[in-house]
Amino acid sequence: SLPVDLKDGNQFGVMQIDETRRIINFREKPADPDPIPGDPGRCLASMGIYVFNTKFLFEQLCNDATNSNSAHDFGKNIIPQVVQTHNVRAFPFRDRDTNQAQYWRDVGTLEALYEANMDLVAVQPPFNLYDMSWPIRTYHPPLPPPKFVFADLREGHSRAGFALDSLIGQGGIISGGRVEHSILSPNVRVNSWAEVRESILLSNVTIGRHARIRRAIIDKGVQIPEGMEVGYDLEADRRRGYTVTESGLVVIAKADATTVPRDLD
C-alpha cells in the first residue's frame, strides 16, 4: 500500500486499515476516496500486488465465477469480498531507513506510462538502473552496442549522430540524427538530419531522414517516413488517426504505421 493524493484516488483501489494494518474496507477506483485518518489530503492506495495461498485463491476465484451478480473483476469483487470475510493485511511500501515511501508508479494510463519512462533519463533518477547493488535480472538479447555515426558539424550541414539525456538500447544506430531526452529500445534507427525529442521509441522503429518527432510513444516496428513530423501539429496527428492525449502526447500504434523501406543511410 502507498499513500497518494486524494484527488488521484479514483485511479486506484483505495483501502482503509486499522492500527494493526488489517484492511477493513476496500473500494476499487471510488469516485469519493476515503482519506487517511489525520491526513485528509491523501488516501491509501493499492499497488496491485497481492500475496495469496494458492488453494485459497483458487477457492475465491471459483466462488466468484458462480456469482451471477459479480462483474468478475479482481479489484471490484474479489478483494472487497475477501476483506469482509477474512484477515487481510496491508504492507506499507516504505524505506526501512527513512520511513519514506519508496519509488513506485502506476502505469495504467498513457500519461503515467510516459512519465514513468521519462523518470529514467533524469541525472539522478528516483529509480536508478545503474545501481549495481540492486541489479535487474532480465534477458539481454545478443545485439551489438549502440552506434553513433556521422560527425559533420560544419555550418549548414549539421549531419551528426548524437544523443543527449537519453537511454539508447542495444543495436540502435543514430545515423546522423539527433536524440534528446528520449528512450530508444533495441534496434532503433534514427537517420540523418532527423530529430527525436522527449519520446519513447519501442524496438525496431525507424525514423526517416529529416523527420521530427516530439513527445511521442511509437510502437514496435513502426517506420516513420522521410520528412514526417509528429507532435508538432496535433490536429494533423489526429487526422492521421493517431491517439493524442489531453496533454498533447502522441501515440502511434502498429496499426497506424506508414511503412517505408529500411534502407541504410
C-alpha atoms as a PDB file:
ATOM      1  CA  SER A   1       0.000   0.000   0.000  1.00  0.00           C
ATOM      2  CA  LEU A   2       1.104   3.544  -0.710  1.00  0.00           C
ATOM      3  CA  PRO A   3      -0.320   6.993   0.166  1.00  0.00           C
ATOM      4  CA  VAL A   4      -1.379   9.017  -2.898  1.00  0.00           C
ATOM      5  CA  ASP A   5      -3.027  12.407  -3.328  1.00  0.00           C
ATOM      6  CA  LEU A   6      -6.740  12.223  -2.592  1.00  0.00           C
ATOM      7  CA  LYS A   7      -7.553  13.731  -5.997  1.00  0.00           C
ATOM      8  CA  ASP A   8      -5.815  10.770  -7.658  1.00  0.00           C
ATOM      9  CA  GLY A   9      -7.557   8.151  -5.539  1.00  0.00           C
ATOM     10  CA  ASN A  10     -10.191   7.463  -8.190  1.00  0.00           C
ATOM     11  CA  GLN A  11      -7.475   5.818 -10.289  1.00  0.00           C
ATOM     12  CA  PHE A  12      -6.649   3.145  -7.692  1.00  0.00           C
ATOM     13  CA  GLY A  13      -8.070   0.604  -5.348  1.00  0.00           C
ATOM     14  CA  VAL A  14      -8.400   2.542  -2.077  1.00  0.00           C
ATOM     15  CA  MET A  15      -8.344   0.893   1.328  1.00  0.00           C
ATOM     16  CA  GLN A  16      -8.837   1.711   4.971  1.00  0.00           C
ATOM     17  CA  ILE A  17      -6.817  -0.111   7.622  1.00  0.00           C
ATOM     18  CA  ASP A  18      -6.848  -0.362  11.401  1.00  0.00           C
ATOM     19  CA  GLU A  19      -3.911   0.086  13.786  1.00  0.00           C
ATOM     20  CA  THR A  20      -2.749  -3.480  13.094  1.00  0.00           C
ATOM     21  CA  ARG A  21      -2.757  -2.871   9.298  1.00  0.00           C
ATOM     22  CA  ARG A  22      -5.738  -5.110   8.813  1.00  0.00           C
ATOM     23  CA  ILE A  23      -7.765  -3.941   5.818  1.00  0.00           C
ATOM     24  CA  ILE A  24     -11.273  -3.073   6.970  1.00  0.00           C
ATOM     25  CA  ASN A  25     -12.575  -1.593   3.723  1.00  0.00           C
ATOM     26  CA  PHE A  26     -11.535  -1.731   0.060  1.00  0.00           C
ATOM     27  CA  ARG A  27     -13.075   0.090  -2.898  1.00  0.00           C
ATOM     28  CA  GLU A  28     -11.875  -0.065  -6.483  1.00  0.00           C
ATOM     29  CA  LYS A  29     -11.447   3.362  -8.120  1.00  0.00           C
ATOM     30  CA  PRO A  30     -14.030   5.144  -5.958  1.00  0.00           C
ATOM     31  CA  ALA A  31     -15.426   8.496  -7.046  1.00  0.00           C
ATOM     32  CA  ASP A  32     -15.057   9.728  -3.445  1.00  0.00           C
ATOM     33  CA  PRO A  33     -11.962   8.025  -1.971  1.00  0.00           C
ATOM     34  CA  ASP A  34     -11.727   7.842   1.815  1.00  0.00           C
ATOM     35  CA  PRO A  35      -8.847   9.943   3.210  1.00  0.00           C
ATOM     36  CA  ILE A  36      -6.252   8.593   5.605  1.00  0.00           C
ATOM     37  CA  PRO A  37      -7.281   9.491   9.192  1.00  0.00           C
ATOM     38  CA  GLY A  38      -5.241  12.522  10.230  1.00  0.00           C
ATOM     39  CA  ASP A  39      -4.078  13.081   6.629  1.00  0.00           C
ATOM     40  CA  PRO A  40      -7.105  14.500   4.779  1.00  0.00           C
ATOM     41  CA  GLY A  41      -5.197  15.268   1.588  1.00  0.00           C
ATOM     42  CA  ARG A  42      -4.179  11.669   0.893  1.00  0.00           C
ATOM     43  CA  CYS A  43      -5.668   8.196   0.673  1.00  0.00           C
ATOM     44  CA  LEU A  44      -4.134   4.731   0.932  1.00  0.00           C
ATOM     45  CA  ALA A  45      -3.848   3.103  -2.487  1.00  0.00           C
ATOM     46  CA  SER A  46      -3.367  -0.484  -3.521  1.00  0.00           C
ATOM     47  CA  MET A  47      -0.256  -1.123  -5.614  1.00  0.00           C
ATOM     48  CA  GLY A  48      -1.887  -4.104  -7.287  1.00  0.00           C
ATOM     49  CA  ILE A  49       0.493  -6.600  -5.680  1.00  0.00           C
ATOM     50  CA  TYR A  50      -1.163  -9.444  -3.771  1.00  0.00           C
ATOM     51  CA  VAL A  51       0.137 -12.500  -1.908  1.00  0.00           C
ATOM     52  CA  PHE A  52      -2.218 -15.468  -1.597  1.00  0.00           C
ATOM     53  CA  ASN A  53      -2.162 -19.074  -0.589  1.00  0.00           C
ATOM     54  CA  THR A  54      -2.784 -20.915  -3.871  1.00  0.00           C
ATOM     55  CA  LYS A  55      -5.613 -23.064  -2.529  1.00  0.00           C
ATOM     56  CA  PHE A  56      -7.372 -20.062  -1.016  1.00  0.00           C
ATOM     57  CA  LEU A  57      -7.091 -18.002  -4.192  1.00  0.00           C
ATOM     58  CA  PHE A  58      -8.443 -20.857  -6.302  1.00  0.00           C
ATOM     59  CA  GLU A  59     -11.435 -21.191  -3.983  1.00  0.00           C
ATOM     60  CA  GLN A  60     -12.199 -17.478  -4.185  1.00  0.00           C
ATOM     61  CA  LEU A  61     -11.982 -17.460  -7.972  1.00  0.00           C
ATOM     62  CA  CYS A  62     -14.330 -20.434  -8.184  1.00  0.00           C
ATOM     63  CA  ASN A  63     -16.801 -18.790  -5.817  1.00  0.00           C
ATOM     64  CA  ASP A  64     -16.753 -15.583  -7.827  1.00  0.00           C
ATOM     65  CA  ALA A  65     -17.197 -17.458 -11.111  1.00  0.00           C
ATOM     66  CA  THR A  66     -20.539 -18.823  -9.916  1.00  0.00           C
ATOM     67  CA  ASN A  67     -21.797 -15.452  -8.658  1.00  0.00           C
ATOM     68  CA  SER A  68     -24.145 -14.062 -11.306  1.00  0.00           C
ATOM     69  CA  ASN A  69     -24.102 -10.644  -9.609  1.00  0.00           C
ATOM     70  CA  SER A  70     -20.320 -10.294  -9.908  1.00  0.00           C
ATOM     71  CA  ALA A  71     -18.515  -8.405 -12.658  1.00  0.00           C
ATOM     72  CA  HIS A  72     -15.712 -10.953 -12.127  1.00  0.00           C
ATOM     73  CA  ASP A  73     -13.233  -8.168 -11.517  1.00  0.00           C
ATOM     74  CA  PHE A  74     -10.390  -8.736  -9.066  1.00  0.00           C
ATOM     75  CA  GLY A  75     -10.404  -5.265  -7.551  1.00  0.00           C
ATOM     76  CA  LYS A  76     -14.141  -4.638  -7.693  1.00  0.00           C
ATOM     77  CA  ASN A  77     -15.381  -8.006  -6.485  1.00  0.00           C
ATOM     78  CA  ILE A  78     -12.872 -10.492  -5.122  1.00  0.00           C
ATOM     79  CA  ILE A  79     -10.722  -8.237  -2.917  1.00  0.00           C
ATOM     80  CA  PRO A  80     -13.676  -6.363  -1.306  1.00  0.00           C
ATOM     81  CA  GLN A  81     -15.392  -9.680  -0.570  1.00  0.00           C
ATOM     82  CA  VAL A  82     -12.292 -11.287   0.941  1.00  0.00           C
ATOM     83  CA  VAL A  83     -11.647  -8.207   3.091  1.00  0.00           C
ATOM     84  CA  GLN A  84     -15.090  -8.585   4.678  1.00  0.00           C
ATOM     85  CA  THR A  85     -14.731 -12.285   5.464  1.00  0.00           C
ATOM     86  CA  HIS A  86     -11.025 -12.899   6.104  1.00  0.00           C
ATOM     87  CA  ASN A  87      -7.965 -11.412   7.769  1.00  0.00           C
ATOM     88  CA  VAL A  88      -6.303  -9.359   5.013  1.00  0.00           C
ATOM     89  CA  ARG A  89      -3.332  -7.142   5.819  1.00  0.00           C
ATOM     90  CA  ALA A  90      -1.701  -4.199   4.057  1.00  0.00           C
ATOM     91  CA  PHE A  91       2.060  -3.922   3.693  1.00  0.00           C
ATOM     92  CA  PRO A  92       3.309  -0.302   3.663  1.00  0.00           C
ATOM     93  CA  PHE A  93       5.835   0.210   0.870  1.00  0.00           C
ATOM     94  CA  ARG A  94       8.344   2.352   2.764  1.00  0.00           C
ATOM     95  CA  ASP A  95      12.093   2.604   3.042  1.00  0.00           C
ATOM     96  CA  ARG A  96      13.153   0.902   6.268  1.00  0.00           C
ATOM     97  CA  ASP A  97      15.822   3.506   6.993  1.00  0.00           C
ATOM     98  CA  THR A  98      13.996   6.739   6.140  1.00  0.00           C
ATOM     99  CA  ASN A  99      10.386   5.551   6.620  1.00  0.00           C
ATOM    100  CA  GLN A 100       9.588   7.381   3.378  1.00  0.00           C
ATOM    101  CA  ALA A 101       7.506   5.907   0.563  1.00  0.00           C
ATOM    102  CA  GLN A 102       9.695   4.099  -1.959  1.00  0.00           C
ATOM    103  CA  TYR A 103       9.586   4.599  -5.712  1.00  0.00           C
ATOM    104  CA  TRP A 104       6.505   3.185  -7.384  1.00  0.00           C
ATOM    105  CA  ARG A 105       4.463   4.341 -10.343  1.00  0.00           C
ATOM    106  CA  ASP A 106       1.123   3.234 -11.657  1.00  0.00           C
ATOM    107  CA  VAL A 107       1.315   2.908 -15.441  1.00  0.00           C
ATOM    108  CA  GLY A 108      -2.351   2.334 -16.152  1.00  0.00           C
ATOM    109  CA  THR A 109      -2.653   5.381 -18.421  1.00  0.00           C
ATOM    110  CA  LEU A 110      -0.610   6.622 -21.370  1.00  0.00           C
ATOM    111  CA  GLU A 111       0.426   9.717 -19.428  1.00  0.00           C
ATOM    112  CA  ALA A 112       1.568   7.660 -16.439  1.00  0.00           C
ATOM    113  CA  LEU A 113       3.488   5.246 -18.664  1.00  0.00           C
ATOM    114  CA  TYR A 114       5.227   8.146 -20.367  1.00  0.00           C
ATOM    115  CA  GLU A 115       6.152   9.913 -17.134  1.00  0.00           C
ATOM    116  CA  ALA A 116       7.490   6.713 -15.548  1.00  0.00           C
ATOM    117  CA  ASN A 117       9.785   6.184 -18.519  1.00  0.00           C
ATOM    118  CA  MET A 118      10.924   9.798 -18.519  1.00  0.00           C
ATOM    119  CA  ASP A 119      11.900   9.385 -14.855  1.00  0.00           C
ATOM    120  CA  LEU A 120      14.711   7.107 -16.028  1.00  0.00           C
ATOM    121  CA  VAL A 121      16.594   9.748 -18.031  1.00  0.00           C
ATOM    122  CA  ALA A 122      16.999  12.182 -15.121  1.00  0.00           C
ATOM    123  CA  VAL A 123      20.527  12.960 -13.943  1.00  0.00           C
ATOM    124  CA  GLN A 124      19.663  11.388 -10.594  1.00  0.00           C
ATOM    125  CA  PRO A 125      16.641   9.192 -11.350  1.00  0.00           C
ATOM    126  CA  PRO A 126      14.442   8.077  -8.449  1.00  0.00           C
ATOM    127  CA  PHE A 127      14.696   4.560  -9.897  1.00  0.00           C
ATOM    128  CA  ASN A 128      18.331   4.056 -10.846  1.00  0.00           C
ATOM    129  CA  LEU A 129      19.045   1.416 -13.488  1.00  0.00           C
ATOM    130  CA  TYR A 130      22.761   1.826 -12.766  1.00  0.00           C
ATOM    131  CA  ASP A 131      22.606   0.831  -9.101  1.00  0.00           C
ATOM    132  CA  MET A 132      24.975  -2.148  -9.036  1.00  0.00           C
ATOM    133  CA  SER A 133      23.811  -3.111  -5.551  1.00  0.00           C
ATOM    134  CA  TRP A 134      20.352  -3.831  -6.994  1.00  0.00           C
ATOM    135  CA  PRO A 135      20.884  -5.470 -10.401  1.00  0.00           C
ATOM    136  CA  ILE A 136      17.906  -6.048 -12.670  1.00  0.00           C
ATOM    137  CA  ARG A 137      17.720  -9.690 -13.699  1.00  0.00           C
ATOM    138  CA  THR A 138      16.349  -9.794 -17.218  1.00  0.00           C
ATOM    139  CA  TYR A 139      17.012 -11.140 -20.693  1.00  0.00           C
ATOM    140  CA  HIS A 140      19.656  -9.323 -22.710  1.00  0.00           C
ATOM    141  CA  PRO A 141      19.392 -10.079 -26.435  1.00  0.00           C
ATOM    142  CA  PRO A 142      22.643 -10.847 -28.288  1.00  0.00           C
ATOM    143  CA  LEU A 143      22.840  -7.472 -30.020  1.00  0.00           C
ATOM    144  CA  PRO A 144      25.770  -5.125 -30.676  1.00  0.00           C
ATOM    145  CA  PRO A 145      26.180  -1.916 -28.667  1.00  0.00           C
ATOM    146  CA  PRO A 146      24.505   1.259 -29.921  1.00  0.00           C
ATOM    147  CA  LYS A 147      26.381   3.191 -32.586  1.00  0.00           C
ATOM    148  CA  PHE A 148      26.542   6.923 -33.345  1.00  0.00           C
ATOM    149  CA  VAL A 149      27.801   7.793 -36.825  1.00  0.00           C
ATOM    150  CA  PHE A 150      28.497  10.905 -38.928  1.00  0.00           C
ATOM    151  CA  ALA A 151      30.079  13.909 -37.271  1.00  0.00           C
ATOM    152  CA  ASP A 152      29.757  16.660 -39.854  1.00  0.00           C
ATOM    153  CA  LEU A 153      29.219  19.781 -37.771  1.00  0.00           C
ATOM    154  CA  ARG A 154      30.083  22.293 -40.479  1.00  0.00           C
ATOM    155  CA  GLU A 155      27.738  25.258 -40.664  1.00  0.00           C
ATOM    156  CA  GLY A 156      24.852  24.467 -42.971  1.00  0.00           C
ATOM    157  CA  HIS A 157      25.402  20.710 -42.747  1.00  0.00           C
ATOM    158  CA  SER A 158      24.834  19.551 -39.129  1.00  0.00           C
ATOM    159  CA  ARG A 159      24.824  15.876 -40.002  1.00  0.00           C
ATOM    160  CA  ALA A 160      25.918  14.454 -36.668  1.00  0.00           C
ATOM    161  CA  GLY A 161      24.653  11.415 -34.840  1.00  0.00           C
ATOM    162  CA  PHE A 162      24.328  12.016 -31.094  1.00  0.00           C
ATOM    163  CA  ALA A 163      22.033  11.647 -28.090  1.00  0.00           C
ATOM    164  CA  LEU A 164      21.618  13.862 -25.007  1.00  0.00           C
ATOM    165  CA  ASP A 165      19.892  12.963 -21.719  1.00  0.00           C
ATOM    166  CA  SER A 166      18.702   9.710 -23.266  1.00  0.00           C
ATOM    167  CA  LEU A 167      18.808   5.924 -22.999  1.00  0.00           C
ATOM    168  CA  ILE A 168      19.742   4.097 -26.212  1.00  0.00           C
ATOM    169  CA  GLY A 169      19.116   0.356 -26.441  1.00  0.00           C
ATOM    170  CA  GLN A 170      21.366  -2.313 -27.882  1.00  0.00           C
ATOM    171  CA  GLY A 171      21.608  -2.491 -31.640  1.00  0.00           C
ATOM    172  CA  GLY A 172      20.499   1.120 -32.047  1.00  0.00           C
ATOM    173  CA  ILE A 173      22.061   3.300 -34.735  1.00  0.00           C
ATOM    174  CA  ILE A 174      21.918   7.079 -34.544  1.00  0.00           C
ATOM    175  CA  SER A 175      22.953   7.688 -38.130  1.00  0.00           C
ATOM    176  CA  GLY A 176      23.442  11.436 -38.373  1.00  0.00           C
ATOM    177  CA  GLY A 177      20.313  12.213 -36.355  1.00  0.00           C
ATOM    178  CA  ARG A 178      19.716  13.984 -33.051  1.00  0.00           C
ATOM    179  CA  VAL A 179      18.089  12.435 -29.975  1.00  0.00           C
ATOM    180  CA  GLU A 180      17.232  14.429 -26.844  1.00  0.00           C
ATOM    181  CA  HIS A 181      15.573  13.396 -23.575  1.00  0.00           C
ATOM    182  CA  SER A 182      14.259  10.168 -25.061  1.00  0.00           C
ATOM    183  CA  ILE A 183      14.272   6.414 -24.600  1.00  0.00           C
ATOM    184  CA  LEU A 184      15.085   4.204 -27.579  1.00  0.00           C
ATOM    185  CA  SER A 185      14.529   0.455 -27.321  1.00  0.00           C
ATOM    186  CA  PRO A 186      16.780  -2.100 -29.068  1.00  0.00           C
ATOM    187  CA  ASN A 187      17.323  -1.911 -32.832  1.00  0.00           C
ATOM    188  CA  VAL A 188      16.001   1.621 -33.314  1.00  0.00           C
ATOM    189  CA  ARG A 189      17.462   3.624 -36.181  1.00  0.00           C
ATOM    190  CA  VAL A 190      17.407   7.419 -36.414  1.00  0.00           C
ATOM    191  CA  ASN A 191      18.541   8.536 -39.857  1.00  0.00           C
ATOM    192  CA  SER A 192      20.358  11.661 -40.963  1.00  0.00           C
ATOM    193  CA  TRP A 193      19.008  15.097 -40.016  1.00  0.00           C
ATOM    194  CA  ALA A 194      16.121  13.527 -38.111  1.00  0.00           C
ATOM    195  CA  GLU A 195      15.218  14.782 -34.619  1.00  0.00           C
ATOM    196  CA  VAL A 196      13.697  12.828 -31.735  1.00  0.00           C
ATOM    197  CA  ARG A 197      12.789  14.779 -28.602  1.00  0.00           C
ATOM    198  CA  GLU A 198      11.041  13.745 -25.370  1.00  0.00           C
ATOM    199  CA  SER A 199       9.861  10.486 -26.907  1.00  0.00           C
ATOM    200  CA  ILE A 200       9.742   6.731 -26.337  1.00  0.00           C
ATOM    201  CA  LEU A 201      10.553   4.547 -29.337  1.00  0.00           C
ATOM    202  CA  LEU A 202       9.954   0.822 -28.995  1.00  0.00           C
ATOM    203  CA  SER A 203      12.104  -1.809 -30.689  1.00  0.00           C
ATOM    204  CA  ASN A 204      12.775  -1.849 -34.437  1.00  0.00           C
ATOM    205  CA  VAL A 205      11.434   1.647 -35.067  1.00  0.00           C
ATOM    206  CA  THR A 206      12.981   3.579 -37.959  1.00  0.00           C
ATOM    207  CA  ILE A 207      12.929   7.373 -38.186  1.00  0.00           C
ATOM    208  CA  GLY A 208      13.452   8.613 -41.746  1.00  0.00           C
ATOM    209  CA  ARG A 209      15.705  11.461 -42.823  1.00  0.00           C
ATOM    210  CA  HIS A 210      14.620  14.979 -41.829  1.00  0.00           C
ATOM    211  CA  ALA A 211      11.691  13.602 -39.789  1.00  0.00           C
ATOM    212  CA  ARG A 212      10.896  15.336 -36.494  1.00  0.00           C
ATOM    213  CA  ILE A 213       9.360  13.579 -33.502  1.00  0.00           C
ATOM    214  CA  ARG A 214       8.315  15.310 -30.263  1.00  0.00           C
ATOM    215  CA  ARG A 215       6.500  13.933 -27.187  1.00  0.00           C
ATOM    216  CA  ALA A 216       5.503  10.676 -28.804  1.00  0.00           C
ATOM    217  CA  ILE A 217       5.291   6.979 -27.997  1.00  0.00           C
ATOM    218  CA  ILE A 218       5.947   4.922 -31.136  1.00  0.00           C
ATOM    219  CA  ASP A 219       5.109   1.226 -31.223  1.00  0.00           C
ATOM    220  CA  LYS A 220       7.361  -1.649 -32.267  1.00  0.00           C
ATOM    221  CA  GLY A 221       8.374  -1.825 -35.909  1.00  0.00           C
ATOM    222  CA  VAL A 222       6.788   1.469 -36.971  1.00  0.00           C
ATOM    223  CA  GLN A 223       8.744   3.198 -39.729  1.00  0.00           C
ATOM    224  CA  ILE A 224       8.373   6.964 -39.925  1.00  0.00           C
ATOM    225  CA  PRO A 225       8.762   8.289 -43.490  1.00  0.00           C
ATOM    226  CA  GLU A 226      11.303  10.883 -44.539  1.00  0.00           C
ATOM    227  CA  GLY A 227      10.352  14.434 -43.602  1.00  0.00           C
ATOM    228  CA  MET A 228       7.350  13.488 -41.477  1.00  0.00           C
ATOM    229  CA  GLU A 229       6.548  15.500 -38.332  1.00  0.00           C
ATOM    230  CA  VAL A 230       4.867  14.031 -35.255  1.00  0.00           C
ATOM    231  CA  GLY A 231       3.944  16.048 -32.175  1.00  0.00           C
ATOM    232  CA  TYR A 232       4.225  19.485 -33.793  1.00  0.00           C
ATOM    233  CA  ASP A 233       0.718  19.786 -35.261  1.00  0.00           C
ATOM    234  CA  LEU A 234      -1.642  17.830 -33.026  1.00  0.00           C
ATOM    235  CA  GLU A 235      -4.661  18.330 -35.282  1.00  0.00           C
ATOM    236  CA  ALA A 236      -2.722  16.835 -38.169  1.00  0.00           C
ATOM    237  CA  ASP A 237      -1.758  13.918 -35.925  1.00  0.00           C
ATOM    238  CA  ARG A 238      -5.413  13.346 -35.034  1.00  0.00           C
ATOM    239  CA  ARG A 239      -6.397  13.411 -38.712  1.00  0.00           C
ATOM    240  CA  ARG A 240      -3.857  10.672 -39.331  1.00  0.00           C
ATOM    241  CA  GLY A 241      -5.728   8.573 -36.778  1.00  0.00           C
ATOM    242  CA  TYR A 242      -3.084   8.739 -34.067  1.00  0.00           C
ATOM    243  CA  THR A 243      -4.041   8.838 -30.395  1.00  0.00           C
ATOM    244  CA  VAL A 244      -3.422  12.292 -28.888  1.00  0.00           C
ATOM    245  CA  THR A 245      -3.843  12.721 -25.130  1.00  0.00           C
ATOM    246  CA  GLU A 246      -5.086  15.836 -23.347  1.00  0.00           C
ATOM    247  CA  SER A 247      -1.514  16.929 -22.638  1.00  0.00           C
ATOM    248  CA  GLY A 248      -0.501  16.530 -26.296  1.00  0.00           C
ATOM    249  CA  LEU A 249       1.258  13.174 -26.094  1.00  0.00           C
ATOM    250  CA  VAL A 250       1.024  11.395 -29.471  1.00  0.00           C
ATOM    251  CA  VAL A 251       0.841   7.600 -29.662  1.00  0.00           C
ATOM    252  CA  ILE A 252       1.472   5.731 -32.912  1.00  0.00           C
ATOM    253  CA  ALA A 253       0.445   2.082 -32.795  1.00  0.00           C
ATOM    254  CA  LYS A 254       1.457  -0.595 -35.286  1.00  0.00           C
ATOM    255  CA  ALA A 255      -1.918  -0.352 -36.981  1.00  0.00           C
ATOM    256  CA  ASP A 256      -1.376   3.387 -37.557  1.00  0.00           C
ATOM    257  CA  ALA A 257       2.039   2.963 -39.143  1.00  0.00           C
ATOM    258  CA  THR A 258       3.158   4.133 -42.548  1.00  0.00           C
ATOM    259  CA  THR A 259       5.963   1.829 -43.635  1.00  0.00           C
ATOM    260  CA  VAL A 260       8.919   2.752 -45.769  1.00  0.00           C
ATOM    261  CA  PRO A 261      11.922   0.630 -46.761  1.00  0.00           C
ATOM    262  CA  ARG A 262      14.503   0.373 -44.008  1.00  0.00           C
ATOM    263  CA  ASP A 263      17.490   1.109 -46.254  1.00  0.00           C
ATOM    264  CA  LEU A 264      20.791   2.223 -44.844  1.00  0.00           C
ATOM    265  CA  ASP A 265      21.500   5.956 -44.968  1.00  0.00           C
END
